[in-house]
Amino acid sequence: MDYAQYTPILRKNKHLTLTERVKIELLTNEGKTPYAIAKIMERPINTILNELRRGSVDQIKQGKLVKIYYADAGQARYYKNRKNCGRKYSLMECSDFISYVETQMLDGDWSVDAAVGRAAAKSSIIKKLSTKTIYNYIDLWLLKVRNIDLPLKLKRDNKPKRVRQNRRVLGDSIDQRPKHIEDRQEFGHWEIDTVIGTKAKNDEVLLTLVERMTRNVIFRKIQGKTAEDVMSEVARLKVEFGNKFSHVFKTITADNDSEFAALSDLKDSEVGIYFTHPYSEQRKAQQPDKEIYTKGQTNLPL
């Protein structure tokens, strides 16, 4: 998603973005020390050290086990950690309150609001929850009460839902992709995406391809975020790899953005093309540096 109020000015105490992680990977590959990287990126040294620790992956080089930092590994670890953030459920702390409310709704046929109000008035119950929280727990199937036990709610919710017609489907769904690809044990399965800067008329775009097993990344600068620009760069890759193209790129997975609308044409080259579920992607809005645009990494095992 592109933000209307986006600003390239770095705000303090903010989490690292994917673009910053890519820059850390490039600077690390150039041999920069964590201190130098922190100074270049104007970030605290501890932020860089923690990121390098979280995003480093064991790799074997020249028969030795070494740790190498990869931007997508750091981003994946970031998303995993974020899932554990936020306030946890209060079910155990409010067991007396929950038990009372469940009994009144199931045995007394009370509404949620009435049961919560009566429970809140009882001085013997210390920990209490709101009506909204009880509804949320019912929707999540965390209580004995189900929505079918709430006839008033079912009546309110029994409105015709608007079904979106003509949802954009560009090709084979990711559900059809061979399951063994998830294991990251075979080389040749890539994920393609685009990264844009500030929304401007002549905005430059970074095309990225990440290989799932080795986590090798190909960065290419393209003229715009269009299907023609993406396919033009893919055509250059086909020329570079020649008859090895279908061996290096066995499958490519993309989201349902319009710039990948023509990607299915690669199926004629014996490349499997798959798309994530429509409208389910978490879109990213980053500000790539010009320095990142000019760098690429194509040292792939052929």
C-alpha atoms as a PDB file:
ATOM      1  CA  MET A   1       0.000   0.000   0.000  1.00  0.00           C
ATOM      2  CA  ASP A   2       1.282   3.472  -0.895  1.00  0.00           C
ATOM      3  CA  TYR A   3       0.795   5.998   1.887  1.00  0.00           C
ATOM      4  CA  ALA A   4      -0.420   9.486   0.983  1.00  0.00           C
ATOM      5  CA  GLN A   5       1.578  11.074   3.806  1.00  0.00           C
ATOM      6  CA  TYR A   6       4.762   9.061   3.180  1.00  0.00           C
ATOM      7  CA  THR A   7       7.998  10.822   4.092  1.00  0.00           C
ATOM      8  CA  PRO A   8      11.558   9.668   3.327  1.00  0.00           C
ATOM      9  CA  ILE A   9      12.795  11.295   6.541  1.00  0.00           C
ATOM     10  CA  LEU A  10      13.950   8.598   8.981  1.00  0.00           C
ATOM     11  CA  ARG A  11      11.954   8.604  12.210  1.00  0.00           C
ATOM     12  CA  LYS A  12      13.702   7.574  15.407  1.00  0.00           C
ATOM     13  CA  ASN A  13      12.789   4.444  17.377  1.00  0.00           C
ATOM     14  CA  LYS A  14      11.141   2.790  14.350  1.00  0.00           C
ATOM     15  CA  HIS A  15      11.583  -0.789  13.246  1.00  0.00           C
ATOM     16  CA  LEU A  16      13.852  -1.609  10.331  1.00  0.00           C
ATOM     17  CA  THR A  17      12.160  -1.861   6.935  1.00  0.00           C
ATOM     18  CA  LEU A  18      12.817  -4.457   4.237  1.00  0.00           C
ATOM     19  CA  THR A  19      14.708  -1.828   2.234  1.00  0.00           C
ATOM     20  CA  GLU A  20      17.002  -1.155   5.201  1.00  0.00           C
ATOM     21  CA  ARG A  21      17.571  -4.875   5.641  1.00  0.00           C
ATOM     22  CA  VAL A  22      18.524  -5.191   1.959  1.00  0.00           C
ATOM     23  CA  LYS A  23      20.981  -2.329   2.448  1.00  0.00           C
ATOM     24  CA  ILE A  24      22.459  -4.064   5.510  1.00  0.00           C
ATOM     25  CA  GLU A  25      22.933  -7.227   3.427  1.00  0.00           C
ATOM     26  CA  LEU A  26      24.672  -5.313   0.632  1.00  0.00           C
ATOM     27  CA  LEU A  27      26.941  -3.413   3.037  1.00  0.00           C
ATOM     28  CA  THR A  28      27.790  -6.648   4.861  1.00  0.00           C
ATOM     29  CA  ASN A  29      28.726  -8.291   1.558  1.00  0.00           C
ATOM     30  CA  GLU A  30      31.026  -5.336   0.885  1.00  0.00           C
ATOM     31  CA  GLY A  31      32.878  -6.124   4.118  1.00  0.00           C
ATOM     32  CA  LYS A  32      31.571  -3.195   6.170  1.00  0.00           C
ATOM     33  CA  THR A  33      31.728  -3.617   9.939  1.00  0.00           C
ATOM     34  CA  PRO A  34      28.548  -3.323  12.045  1.00  0.00           C
ATOM     35  CA  TYR A  35      29.845   0.002  13.380  1.00  0.00           C
ATOM     36  CA  ALA A  36      30.344   1.346   9.844  1.00  0.00           C
ATOM     37  CA  ILE A  37      26.891   0.117   8.785  1.00  0.00           C
ATOM     38  CA  ALA A  38      25.302   1.812  11.802  1.00  0.00           C
ATOM     39  CA  LYS A  39      27.037   5.076  10.936  1.00  0.00           C
ATOM     40  CA  ILE A  40      26.023   4.931   7.239  1.00  0.00           C
ATOM     41  CA  MET A  41      22.394   4.131   8.067  1.00  0.00           C
ATOM     42  CA  GLU A  42      22.230   6.487  11.068  1.00  0.00           C
ATOM     43  CA  ARG A  43      21.017   3.687  13.303  1.00  0.00           C
ATOM     44  CA  PRO A  44      22.189   2.664  16.807  1.00  0.00           C
ATOM     45  CA  ILE A  45      24.950   0.070  16.775  1.00  0.00           C
ATOM     46  CA  ASN A  46      22.820  -2.280  18.918  1.00  0.00           C
ATOM     47  CA  THR A  47      20.059  -2.186  16.300  1.00  0.00           C
ATOM     48  CA  ILE A  48      22.492  -3.349  13.619  1.00  0.00           C
ATOM     49  CA  LEU A  49      24.092  -5.983  15.851  1.00  0.00           C
ATOM     50  CA  ASN A  50      20.701  -7.411  16.853  1.00  0.00           C
ATOM     51  CA  GLU A  51      19.539  -7.477  13.219  1.00  0.00           C
ATOM     52  CA  LEU A  52      22.705  -9.259  12.078  1.00  0.00           C
ATOM     53  CA  ARG A  53      22.221 -11.842  14.820  1.00  0.00           C
ATOM     54  CA  ARG A  54      18.554 -12.447  13.982  1.00  0.00           C
ATOM     55  CA  GLY A  55      18.952 -12.547  10.211  1.00  0.00           C
ATOM     56  CA  SER A  56      22.147 -14.611   9.919  1.00  0.00           C
ATOM     57  CA  VAL A  57      21.811 -18.094   8.432  1.00  0.00           C
ATOM     58  CA  ASP A  58      24.260 -21.012   8.619  1.00  0.00           C
ATOM     59  CA  GLN A  59      25.922 -21.589   5.236  1.00  0.00           C
ATOM     60  CA  ILE A  60      28.775 -23.807   4.089  1.00  0.00           C
ATOM     61  CA  LYS A  61      31.531 -22.028   2.182  1.00  0.00           C
ATOM     62  CA  GLN A  62      34.741 -23.764   1.153  1.00  0.00           C
ATOM     63  CA  GLY A  63      33.912 -26.613   3.507  1.00  0.00           C
ATOM     64  CA  LYS A  64      33.441 -24.338   6.522  1.00  0.00           C
ATOM     65  CA  LEU A  65      30.263 -23.477   8.375  1.00  0.00           C
ATOM     66  CA  VAL A  66      29.771 -19.707   8.421  1.00  0.00           C
ATOM     67  CA  LYS A  67      26.935 -17.359   9.296  1.00  0.00           C
ATOM     68  CA  ILE A  68      25.758 -15.046   6.504  1.00  0.00           C
ATOM     69  CA  TYR A  69      23.169 -12.306   6.880  1.00  0.00           C
ATOM     70  CA  TYR A  70      20.205 -12.333   4.468  1.00  0.00           C
ATOM     71  CA  ALA A  71      17.586  -9.584   4.290  1.00  0.00           C
ATOM     72  CA  ASP A  72      14.646 -11.944   3.729  1.00  0.00           C
ATOM     73  CA  ALA A  73      15.714 -14.094   6.710  1.00  0.00           C
ATOM     74  CA  GLY A  74      15.753 -10.989   8.913  1.00  0.00           C
ATOM     75  CA  GLN A  75      12.354  -9.922   7.585  1.00  0.00           C
ATOM     76  CA  ALA A  76      10.874 -13.395   8.198  1.00  0.00           C
ATOM     77  CA  ARG A  77      12.205 -13.389  11.762  1.00  0.00           C
ATOM     78  CA  TYR A  78      10.737  -9.907  12.259  1.00  0.00           C
ATOM     79  CA  TYR A  79       7.261 -11.053  11.145  1.00  0.00           C
ATOM     80  CA  LYS A  80       7.506 -14.112  13.410  1.00  0.00           C
ATOM     81  CA  ASN A  81       8.409 -11.972  16.416  1.00  0.00           C
ATOM     82  CA  ARG A  82       5.604  -9.526  15.678  1.00  0.00           C
ATOM     83  CA  LYS A  83       3.045 -12.326  15.917  1.00  0.00           C
ATOM     84  CA  ASN A  84       3.971 -12.717  19.582  1.00  0.00           C
ATOM     85  CA  CYS A  85       3.391  -9.013  20.290  1.00  0.00           C
ATOM     86  CA  GLY A  86       0.227  -7.498  21.633  1.00  0.00           C
ATOM     87  CA  ARG A  87      -1.999  -8.121  24.608  1.00  0.00           C
ATOM     88  CA  LYS A  88      -2.767 -11.744  25.448  1.00  0.00           C
ATOM     89  CA  TYR A  89      -6.188 -13.181  26.213  1.00  0.00           C
ATOM     90  CA  SER A  90      -7.481 -12.733  29.790  1.00  0.00           C
ATOM     91  CA  LEU A  91      -9.439 -15.995  29.965  1.00  0.00           C
ATOM     92  CA  MET A  92      -7.460 -17.521  32.828  1.00  0.00           C
ATOM     93  CA  GLU A  93      -7.385 -14.308  34.848  1.00  0.00           C
ATOM     94  CA  CYS A  94     -11.175 -13.898  34.557  1.00  0.00           C
ATOM     95  CA  SER A  95     -12.268 -17.528  34.918  1.00  0.00           C
ATOM     96  CA  ASP A  96     -14.954 -16.712  37.530  1.00  0.00           C
ATOM     97  CA  PHE A  97     -16.387 -13.959  35.365  1.00  0.00           C
ATOM     98  CA  ILE A  98     -16.347 -16.159  32.220  1.00  0.00           C
ATOM     99  CA  SER A  99     -17.978 -19.083  34.026  1.00  0.00           C
ATOM    100  CA  TYR A 100     -20.779 -16.909  35.360  1.00  0.00           C
ATOM    101  CA  VAL A 101     -21.483 -15.299  31.985  1.00  0.00           C
ATOM    102  CA  GLU A 102     -21.497 -18.670  30.188  1.00  0.00           C
ATOM    103  CA  THR A 103     -23.951 -20.131  32.733  1.00  0.00           C
ATOM    104  CA  GLN A 104     -26.366 -17.210  32.440  1.00  0.00           C
ATOM    105  CA  MET A 105     -26.329 -17.276  28.639  1.00  0.00           C
ATOM    106  CA  LEU A 106     -26.660 -21.056  28.255  1.00  0.00           C
ATOM    107  CA  ASP A 107     -28.962 -21.920  31.171  1.00  0.00           C
ATOM    108  CA  GLY A 108     -30.758 -18.628  31.683  1.00  0.00           C
ATOM    109  CA  ASP A 109     -31.029 -17.691  27.990  1.00  0.00           C
ATOM    110  CA  TRP A 110     -29.666 -14.234  28.768  1.00  0.00           C
ATOM    111  CA  SER A 111     -28.130 -11.887  26.232  1.00  0.00           C
ATOM    112  CA  VAL A 112     -24.404 -11.171  26.342  1.00  0.00           C
ATOM    113  CA  ASP A 113     -24.937  -7.623  27.548  1.00  0.00           C
ATOM    114  CA  ALA A 114     -27.328  -8.682  30.325  1.00  0.00           C
ATOM    115  CA  ALA A 115     -25.034 -11.454  31.522  1.00  0.00           C
ATOM    116  CA  VAL A 116     -21.984  -9.167  31.510  1.00  0.00           C
ATOM    117  CA  GLY A 117     -23.904  -6.420  33.342  1.00  0.00           C
ATOM    118  CA  ARG A 118     -25.090  -8.780  36.073  1.00  0.00           C
ATOM    119  CA  ALA A 119     -21.606 -10.305  36.458  1.00  0.00           C
ATOM    120  CA  ALA A 120     -20.042  -6.849  36.698  1.00  0.00           C
ATOM    121  CA  ALA A 121     -22.430  -5.951  39.522  1.00  0.00           C
ATOM    122  CA  LYS A 122     -21.372  -8.957  41.634  1.00  0.00           C
ATOM    123  CA  SER A 123     -18.810  -7.895  44.214  1.00  0.00           C
ATOM    124  CA  SER A 124     -17.465 -11.442  44.529  1.00  0.00           C
ATOM    125  CA  ILE A 125     -16.106 -11.295  40.971  1.00  0.00           C
ATOM    126  CA  ILE A 126     -12.943  -9.184  40.855  1.00  0.00           C
ATOM    127  CA  LYS A 127     -11.642  -9.562  37.307  1.00  0.00           C
ATOM    128  CA  LYS A 128     -14.175  -8.425  34.688  1.00  0.00           C
ATOM    129  CA  LEU A 129     -14.360  -8.137  30.885  1.00  0.00           C
ATOM    130  CA  SER A 130     -16.386  -5.917  28.570  1.00  0.00           C
ATOM    131  CA  THR A 131     -19.333  -6.992  26.401  1.00  0.00           C
ATOM    132  CA  LYS A 132     -17.259  -6.401  23.273  1.00  0.00           C
ATOM    133  CA  THR A 133     -14.514  -8.712  24.559  1.00  0.00           C
ATOM    134  CA  ILE A 134     -17.046 -11.485  25.250  1.00  0.00           C
ATOM    135  CA  TYR A 135     -18.401 -11.153  21.697  1.00  0.00           C
ATOM    136  CA  ASN A 136     -14.839 -11.383  20.357  1.00  0.00           C
ATOM    137  CA  TYR A 137     -14.141 -14.529  22.405  1.00  0.00           C
ATOM    138  CA  ILE A 138     -17.371 -16.106  21.123  1.00  0.00           C
ATOM    139  CA  ASP A 139     -16.353 -15.364  17.529  1.00  0.00           C
ATOM    140  CA  LEU A 140     -12.973 -16.986  18.222  1.00  0.00           C
ATOM    141  CA  TRP A 141     -14.646 -20.083  19.754  1.00  0.00           C
ATOM    142  CA  LEU A 142     -12.876 -19.512  23.061  1.00  0.00           C
ATOM    143  CA  LEU A 143     -16.083 -19.947  25.113  1.00  0.00           C
ATOM    144  CA  LYS A 144     -18.700 -22.671  25.435  1.00  0.00           C
ATOM    145  CA  VAL A 145     -21.207 -20.234  23.975  1.00  0.00           C
ATOM    146  CA  ARG A 146     -21.480 -20.163  20.172  1.00  0.00           C
ATOM    147  CA  ASN A 147     -23.018 -17.630  17.822  1.00  0.00           C
ATOM    148  CA  ILE A 148     -25.879 -20.054  17.218  1.00  0.00           C
ATOM    149  CA  ASP A 149     -26.779 -19.557  20.907  1.00  0.00           C
ATOM    150  CA  LEU A 150     -27.238 -15.822  20.254  1.00  0.00           C
ATOM    151  CA  PRO A 151     -30.405 -15.492  18.136  1.00  0.00           C
ATOM    152  CA  LEU A 152     -30.378 -11.694  18.311  1.00  0.00           C
ATOM    153  CA  LYS A 153     -26.861 -11.542  16.919  1.00  0.00           C
ATOM    154  CA  LEU A 154     -27.709 -13.980  14.132  1.00  0.00           C
ATOM    155  CA  LYS A 155     -30.673 -11.826  13.230  1.00  0.00           C
ATOM    156  CA  ARG A 156     -28.506  -8.717  13.079  1.00  0.00           C
ATOM    157  CA  ASP A 157     -25.860 -10.477  11.002  1.00  0.00           C
ATOM    158  CA  ASN A 158     -28.366 -12.010   8.583  1.00  0.00           C
ATOM    159  CA  LYS A 159     -27.853  -9.324   5.951  1.00  0.00           C
ATOM    160  CA  PRO A 160     -26.981 -10.068   2.339  1.00  0.00           C
ATOM    161  CA  LYS A 161     -23.245  -9.741   1.900  1.00  0.00           C
ATOM    162  CA  ARG A 162     -21.899  -7.959  -1.149  1.00  0.00           C
ATOM    163  CA  VAL A 163     -19.781 -10.416  -3.114  1.00  0.00           C
ATOM    164  CA  ARG A 164     -17.058  -8.867  -5.162  1.00  0.00           C
ATOM    165  CA  GLN A 165     -17.286  -9.941  -8.758  1.00  0.00           C
ATOM    166  CA  ASN A 166     -14.403 -10.421 -11.187  1.00  0.00           C
ATOM    167  CA  ARG A 167     -11.668 -10.736  -8.594  1.00  0.00           C
ATOM    168  CA  ARG A 168      -8.307 -10.454 -10.257  1.00  0.00           C
ATOM    169  CA  VAL A 169      -6.751 -13.878 -10.847  1.00  0.00           C
ATOM    170  CA  LEU A 170      -3.618 -13.773 -12.982  1.00  0.00           C
ATOM    171  CA  GLY A 171      -2.821 -17.488 -13.134  1.00  0.00           C
ATOM    172  CA  ASP A 172      -2.314 -20.664 -11.105  1.00  0.00           C
ATOM    173  CA  SER A 173      -2.868 -20.270  -7.378  1.00  0.00           C
ATOM    174  CA  ILE A 174      -0.087 -20.890  -4.874  1.00  0.00           C
ATOM    175  CA  ASP A 175      -2.256 -23.767  -3.626  1.00  0.00           C
ATOM    176  CA  GLN A 176      -1.357 -25.614  -6.850  1.00  0.00           C
ATOM    177  CA  ARG A 177       2.380 -25.187  -6.298  1.00  0.00           C
ATOM    178  CA  PRO A 178       4.146 -28.486  -5.456  1.00  0.00           C
ATOM    179  CA  LYS A 179       4.280 -28.957  -1.692  1.00  0.00           C
ATOM    180  CA  HIS A 180       7.962 -29.919  -1.606  1.00  0.00           C
ATOM    181  CA  ILE A 181       8.870 -26.325  -2.511  1.00  0.00           C
ATOM    182  CA  GLU A 182       7.903 -25.295   1.023  1.00  0.00           C
ATOM    183  CA  ASP A 183      10.793 -27.370   2.400  1.00  0.00           C
ATOM    184  CA  ARG A 184      13.423 -25.144   0.721  1.00  0.00           C
ATOM    185  CA  GLN A 185      15.454 -28.255  -0.154  1.00  0.00           C
ATOM    186  CA  GLU A 186      15.591 -27.771  -3.939  1.00  0.00           C
ATOM    187  CA  PHE A 187      17.250 -24.935  -5.822  1.00  0.00           C
ATOM    188  CA  GLY A 188      15.348 -23.025  -8.480  1.00  0.00           C
ATOM    189  CA  HIS A 189      12.187 -21.745  -6.782  1.00  0.00           C
ATOM    190  CA  TRP A 190      11.943 -17.950  -6.686  1.00  0.00           C
ATOM    191  CA  GLU A 191       9.703 -15.238  -5.278  1.00  0.00           C
ATOM    192  CA  ILE A 192       9.385 -12.039  -7.278  1.00  0.00           C
ATOM    193  CA  ASP A 193       8.331  -8.610  -6.026  1.00  0.00           C
ATOM    194  CA  THR A 194       8.775  -4.900  -6.673  1.00  0.00           C
ATOM    195  CA  VAL A 195       9.880  -2.120  -4.328  1.00  0.00           C
ATOM    196  CA  ILE A 196       9.092   1.497  -5.117  1.00  0.00           C
ATOM    197  CA  GLY A 197      10.209   4.790  -3.664  1.00  0.00           C
ATOM    198  CA  THR A 198       8.132   7.926  -3.238  1.00  0.00           C
ATOM    199  CA  LYS A 199       5.110   8.102  -5.500  1.00  0.00           C
ATOM    200  CA  ALA A 200       6.243  10.356  -8.326  1.00  0.00           C
ATOM    201  CA  LYS A 201       5.700  10.681 -12.058  1.00  0.00           C
ATOM    202  CA  ASN A 202       9.082   9.268 -13.039  1.00  0.00           C
ATOM    203  CA  ASP A 203       9.497   6.960 -10.077  1.00  0.00           C
ATOM    204  CA  GLU A 204      12.105   4.225 -10.400  1.00  0.00           C
ATOM    205  CA  VAL A 205      11.306   0.689  -9.330  1.00  0.00           C
ATOM    206  CA  LEU A 206      13.432  -2.108  -7.901  1.00  0.00           C
ATOM    207  CA  LEU A 207      12.600  -5.617  -9.147  1.00  0.00           C
ATOM    208  CA  THR A 208      13.678  -8.327  -6.697  1.00  0.00           C
ATOM    209  CA  LEU A 209      13.885 -12.105  -7.120  1.00  0.00           C
ATOM    210  CA  VAL A 210      14.674 -14.185  -4.027  1.00  0.00           C
ATOM    211  CA  GLU A 211      15.643 -17.864  -4.337  1.00  0.00           C
ATOM    212  CA  ARG A 212      13.978 -19.874  -1.560  1.00  0.00           C
ATOM    213  CA  MET A 213      16.739 -22.407  -0.771  1.00  0.00           C
ATOM    214  CA  THR A 214      19.956 -20.356  -1.018  1.00  0.00           C
ATOM    215  CA  ARG A 215      18.256 -16.983  -0.381  1.00  0.00           C
ATOM    216  CA  ASN A 216      20.315 -15.521  -3.226  1.00  0.00           C
ATOM    217  CA  VAL A 217      18.781 -12.276  -4.426  1.00  0.00           C
ATOM    218  CA  ILE A 218      18.708 -10.625  -7.840  1.00  0.00           C
ATOM    219  CA  PHE A 219      18.143  -6.852  -7.802  1.00  0.00           C
ATOM    220  CA  ARG A 220      17.304  -5.058 -11.040  1.00  0.00           C
ATOM    221  CA  LYS A 221      16.266  -1.456 -11.620  1.00  0.00           C
ATOM    222  CA  ILE A 222      13.325  -1.130 -14.028  1.00  0.00           C
ATOM    223  CA  GLN A 223      11.740   1.962 -15.499  1.00  0.00           C
ATOM    224  CA  GLY A 224       8.263   1.620 -13.996  1.00  0.00           C
ATOM    225  CA  LYS A 225       5.808  -0.585 -12.129  1.00  0.00           C
ATOM    226  CA  THR A 226       4.136  -2.010 -15.231  1.00  0.00           C
ATOM    227  CA  ALA A 227       3.794  -5.478 -16.743  1.00  0.00           C
ATOM    228  CA  GLU A 228       5.822  -4.381 -19.773  1.00  0.00           C
ATOM    229  CA  ASP A 229       8.742  -3.193 -17.636  1.00  0.00           C
ATOM    230  CA  VAL A 230       8.748  -6.395 -15.563  1.00  0.00           C
ATOM    231  CA  MET A 231       8.633  -8.665 -18.624  1.00  0.00           C
ATOM    232  CA  SER A 232      11.358  -6.637 -20.363  1.00  0.00           C
ATOM    233  CA  GLU A 233      13.700  -7.321 -17.448  1.00  0.00           C
ATOM    234  CA  VAL A 234      12.674 -10.979 -17.344  1.00  0.00           C
ATOM    235  CA  ALA A 235      13.479 -11.189 -21.053  1.00  0.00           C
ATOM    236  CA  ARG A 236      16.988  -9.878 -20.294  1.00  0.00           C
ATOM    237  CA  LEU A 237      17.404 -12.596 -17.675  1.00  0.00           C
ATOM    238  CA  LYS A 238      16.390 -15.216 -20.237  1.00  0.00           C
ATOM    239  CA  VAL A 239      19.098 -13.937 -22.571  1.00  0.00           C
ATOM    240  CA  GLU A 240      21.705 -13.949 -19.762  1.00  0.00           C
ATOM    241  CA  PHE A 241      20.975 -17.515 -18.668  1.00  0.00           C
ATOM    242  CA  GLY A 242      20.273 -18.879 -22.147  1.00  0.00           C
ATOM    243  CA  ASN A 243      19.272 -22.540 -22.245  1.00  0.00           C
ATOM    244  CA  LYS A 244      19.863 -22.797 -18.473  1.00  0.00           C
ATOM    245  CA  PHE A 245      17.031 -20.387 -17.705  1.00  0.00           C
ATOM    246  CA  SER A 246      14.398 -23.067 -17.026  1.00  0.00           C
ATOM    247  CA  HIS A 247      16.893 -24.966 -14.825  1.00  0.00           C
ATOM    248  CA  VAL A 248      17.719 -21.917 -12.718  1.00  0.00           C
ATOM    249  CA  PHE A 249      14.124 -20.634 -12.599  1.00  0.00           C
ATOM    250  CA  LYS A 250      11.990 -23.742 -12.079  1.00  0.00           C
ATOM    251  CA  THR A 251       9.126 -21.817 -10.474  1.00  0.00           C
ATOM    252  CA  ILE A 252       8.387 -18.159  -9.769  1.00  0.00           C
ATOM    253  CA  THR A 253       5.780 -17.035  -7.228  1.00  0.00           C
ATOM    254  CA  ALA A 254       4.293 -13.525  -7.371  1.00  0.00           C
ATOM    255  CA  ASP A 255       1.448 -11.592  -5.826  1.00  0.00           C
ATOM    256  CA  ASN A 256      -1.587 -10.457  -7.812  1.00  0.00           C
ATOM    257  CA  ASP A 257      -0.346  -6.962  -8.604  1.00  0.00           C
ATOM    258  CA  SER A 258      -0.894  -5.723 -12.145  1.00  0.00           C
ATOM    259  CA  GLU A 259       2.840  -5.564 -12.922  1.00  0.00           C
ATOM    260  CA  PHE A 260       2.891  -9.382 -12.904  1.00  0.00           C
ATOM    261  CA  ALA A 261      -0.104  -9.748 -15.224  1.00  0.00           C
ATOM    262  CA  ALA A 262       2.018 -11.104 -18.100  1.00  0.00           C
ATOM    263  CA  LEU A 263       4.198 -13.379 -15.971  1.00  0.00           C
ATOM    264  CA  SER A 264       2.169 -16.468 -16.909  1.00  0.00           C
ATOM    265  CA  ASP A 265       3.658 -16.227 -20.418  1.00  0.00           C
ATOM    266  CA  LEU A 266       6.806 -17.794 -18.938  1.00  0.00           C
ATOM    267  CA  LYS A 267       4.953 -21.119 -18.662  1.00  0.00           C
ATOM    268  CA  ASP A 268       5.846 -21.578 -22.342  1.00  0.00           C
ATOM    269  CA  SER A 269       9.489 -21.665 -21.181  1.00  0.00           C
ATOM    270  CA  GLU A 270       8.692 -24.584 -18.832  1.00  0.00           C
ATOM    271  CA  VAL A 271       8.774 -22.283 -15.799  1.00  0.00           C
ATOM    272  CA  GLY A 272       6.042 -22.811 -13.206  1.00  0.00           C
ATOM    273  CA  ILE A 273       4.268 -19.534 -12.397  1.00  0.00           C
ATOM    274  CA  TYR A 274       2.131 -19.239  -9.265  1.00  0.00           C
ATOM    275  CA  PHE A 275       0.263 -16.379  -7.617  1.00  0.00           C
ATOM    276  CA  THR A 276      -0.633 -15.746  -3.985  1.00  0.00           C
ATOM    277  CA  HIS A 277      -4.258 -15.497  -2.948  1.00  0.00           C
ATOM    278  CA  PRO A 278      -5.918 -12.342  -4.351  1.00  0.00           C
ATOM    279  CA  TYR A 279      -6.189  -9.431  -1.949  1.00  0.00           C
ATOM    280  CA  SER A 280      -4.394 -11.325   0.834  1.00  0.00           C
ATOM    281  CA  GLU A 281      -0.916  -9.860   0.497  1.00  0.00           C
ATOM    282  CA  GLN A 282       0.511  -7.436   2.991  1.00  0.00           C
ATOM    283  CA  ARG A 283       1.652  -4.656   0.757  1.00  0.00           C
ATOM    284  CA  LYS A 284       4.907  -2.861   1.516  1.00  0.00           C
ATOM    285  CA  ALA A 285       5.836   0.767   1.103  1.00  0.00           C
ATOM    286  CA  GLN A 286       9.538   1.454   1.422  1.00  0.00           C
ATOM    287  CA  GLN A 287      11.938   4.105   0.237  1.00  0.00           C
ATOM    288  CA  PRO A 288      14.785   2.391  -1.672  1.00  0.00           C
ATOM    289  CA  ASP A 289      18.138   4.108  -1.858  1.00  0.00           C
ATOM    290  CA  LYS A 290      19.706   4.915  -5.215  1.00  0.00           C
ATOM    291  CA  GLU A 291      22.757   2.954  -4.077  1.00  0.00           C
ATOM    292  CA  ILE A 292      20.705  -0.234  -3.817  1.00  0.00           C
ATOM    293  CA  TYR A 293      19.372   0.180  -7.348  1.00  0.00           C
ATOM    294  CA  THR A 294      22.735  -0.254  -9.011  1.00  0.00           C
ATOM    295  CA  LYS A 295      23.737  -3.442  -7.217  1.00  0.00           C
ATOM    296  CA  GLY A 296      22.866  -7.006  -8.220  1.00  0.00           C
ATOM    297  CA  GLN A 297      23.733 -10.489  -7.082  1.00  0.00           C
ATOM    298  CA  THR A 298      23.654 -13.240  -9.690  1.00  0.00           C
ATOM    299  CA  ASN A 299      26.330 -15.649  -8.432  1.00  0.00           C
ATOM    300  CA  LEU A 300      23.965 -18.595  -8.640  1.00  0.00           C
ATOM    301  CA  PRO A 301      24.814 -22.304  -8.569  1.00  0.00           C
ATOM    302  CA  LEU A 302      24.226 -23.532 -12.120  1.00  0.00           C
END
